[in-house]
Amino acid sequence: GPQELERFGKELDEVSRKIAETEE
């Protein structure tokens, strides 16, 4: 449902930030 998708998006955003910090 929408909630699952929203939660997935938030997790994906956190992962993207971690990756960005690692690449730095």
PDB file of N, CA and C in Angstrom:
ATOM      1  N   GLY A   1       0.818  -1.210   0.000  1.00  0.00           N
ATOM      2  CA  GLY A   1       0.000   0.000   0.000  1.00  0.00           C
ATOM      3  C   GLY A   1       0.852   1.259   0.000  1.00  0.00           C
ATOM      4  N   PRO A   2       0.233   2.417  -0.008  1.00  0.00           N
ATOM      5  CA  PRO A   2       0.941   3.710  -0.030  1.00  0.00           C
ATOM      6  C   PRO A   2       1.943   3.840   1.118  1.00  0.00           C
ATOM      7  N   GLN A   3       1.555   3.357   2.298  1.00  0.00           N
ATOM      8  CA  GLN A   3       2.459   3.477   3.452  1.00  0.00           C
ATOM      9  C   GLN A   3       3.740   2.696   3.215  1.00  0.00           C
ATOM     10  N   GLU A   4       3.607   1.491   2.660  1.00  0.00           N
ATOM     11  CA  GLU A   4       4.799   0.676   2.398  1.00  0.00           C
ATOM     12  C   GLU A   4       5.705   1.397   1.408  1.00  0.00           C
ATOM     13  N   LEU A   5       5.095   1.990   0.385  1.00  0.00           N
ATOM     14  CA  LEU A   5       5.880   2.686  -0.645  1.00  0.00           C
ATOM     15  C   LEU A   5       6.591   3.892  -0.032  1.00  0.00           C
ATOM     16  N   GLU A   6       5.874   4.609   0.843  1.00  0.00           N
ATOM     17  CA  GLU A   6       6.477   5.795   1.474  1.00  0.00           C
ATOM     18  C   GLU A   6       7.647   5.372   2.360  1.00  0.00           C
ATOM     19  N   ARG A   7       7.446   4.265   3.093  1.00  0.00           N
ATOM     20  CA  ARG A   7       8.506   3.781   3.973  1.00  0.00           C
ATOM     21  C   ARG A   7       9.719   3.363   3.150  1.00  0.00           C
ATOM     22  N   PHE A   8       9.458   2.705   2.029  1.00  0.00           N
ATOM     23  CA  PHE A   8      10.545   2.269   1.152  1.00  0.00           C
ATOM     24  C   PHE A   8      11.315   3.476   0.638  1.00  0.00           C
ATOM     25  N   GLY A   9      10.590   4.528   0.288  1.00  0.00           N
ATOM     26  CA  GLY A   9      11.235   5.737  -0.224  1.00  0.00           C
ATOM     27  C   GLY A   9      12.133   6.365   0.831  1.00  0.00           C
ATOM     28  N   LYS A  10      11.661   6.371   2.075  1.00  0.00           N
ATOM     29  CA  LYS A  10      12.474   6.960   3.144  1.00  0.00           C
ATOM     30  C   LYS A  10      13.736   6.138   3.360  1.00  0.00           C
ATOM     31  N   GLU A  11      13.584   4.812   3.355  1.00  0.00           N
ATOM     32  CA  GLU A  11      14.762   3.960   3.548  1.00  0.00           C
ATOM     33  C   GLU A  11      15.746   4.167   2.407  1.00  0.00           C
ATOM     34  N   LEU A  12      15.209   4.274   1.191  1.00  0.00           N
ATOM     35  CA  LEU A  12      16.065   4.457   0.017  1.00  0.00           C
ATOM     36  C   LEU A  12      16.819   5.783   0.130  1.00  0.00           C
ATOM     37  N   ASP A  13      16.134   6.804   0.641  1.00  0.00           N
ATOM     38  CA  ASP A  13      16.778   8.115   0.781  1.00  0.00           C
ATOM     39  C   ASP A  13      17.929   8.038   1.784  1.00  0.00           C
ATOM     40  N   GLU A  14      17.697   7.317   2.888  1.00  0.00           N
ATOM     41  CA  GLU A  14      18.757   7.187   3.890  1.00  0.00           C
ATOM     42  C   GLU A  14      19.951   6.452   3.302  1.00  0.00           C
ATOM     43  N   VAL A  15      19.674   5.394   2.548  1.00  0.00           N
ATOM     44  CA  VAL A  15      20.756   4.623   1.932  1.00  0.00           C
ATOM     45  C   VAL A  15      21.527   5.512   0.961  1.00  0.00           C
ATOM     46  N   SER A  16      20.797   6.310   0.187  1.00  0.00           N
ATOM     47  CA  SER A  16      21.459   7.192  -0.785  1.00  0.00           C
ATOM     48  C   SER A  16      22.384   8.171  -0.060  1.00  0.00           C
ATOM     49  N   ARG A  17      21.928   8.682   1.076  1.00  0.00           N
ATOM     50  CA  ARG A  17      22.763   9.632   1.828  1.00  0.00           C
ATOM     51  C   ARG A  17      24.024   8.941   2.331  1.00  0.00           C
ATOM     52  N   LYS A  18      23.863   7.719   2.841  1.00  0.00           N
ATOM     53  CA  LYS A  18      25.029   6.985   3.344  1.00  0.00           C
ATOM     54  C   LYS A  18      26.017   6.751   2.210  1.00  0.00           C
ATOM     55  N   ILE A  19      25.510   6.382   1.046  1.00  0.00           N
ATOM     56  CA  ILE A  19      26.383   6.135  -0.106  1.00  0.00           C
ATOM     57  C   ILE A  19      27.102   7.428  -0.484  1.00  0.00           C
ATOM     58  N   ALA A  20      26.385   8.534  -0.477  1.00  0.00           N
ATOM     59  CA  ALA A  20      26.984   9.819  -0.835  1.00  0.00           C
ATOM     60  C   ALA A  20      28.106  10.158   0.144  1.00  0.00           C
ATOM     61  N   GLU A  21      27.876   9.901   1.422  1.00  0.00           N
ATOM     62  CA  GLU A  21      28.907  10.196   2.418  1.00  0.00           C
ATOM     63  C   GLU A  21      30.119   9.298   2.198  1.00  0.00           C
ATOM     64  N   THR A  22      29.869   8.056   1.808  1.00  0.00           N
ATOM     65  CA  THR A  22      30.972   7.116   1.591  1.00  0.00           C
ATOM     66  C   THR A  22      31.789   7.530   0.381  1.00  0.00           C
ATOM     67  N   GLU A  23      31.106   7.976  -0.679  1.00  0.00           N
ATOM     68  CA  GLU A  23      31.819   8.368  -1.898  1.00  0.00           C
ATOM     69  C   GLU A  23      32.647   9.619  -1.665  1.00  0.00           C
ATOM     70  N   GLU A  24      32.239  10.434  -0.706  1.00  0.00           N
ATOM     71  CA  GLU A  24      32.962  11.661  -0.406  1.00  0.00           C
ATOM     72  C   GLU A  24      34.308  11.355   0.140  1.00  0.00           C
TER      73      GLU A  24
END
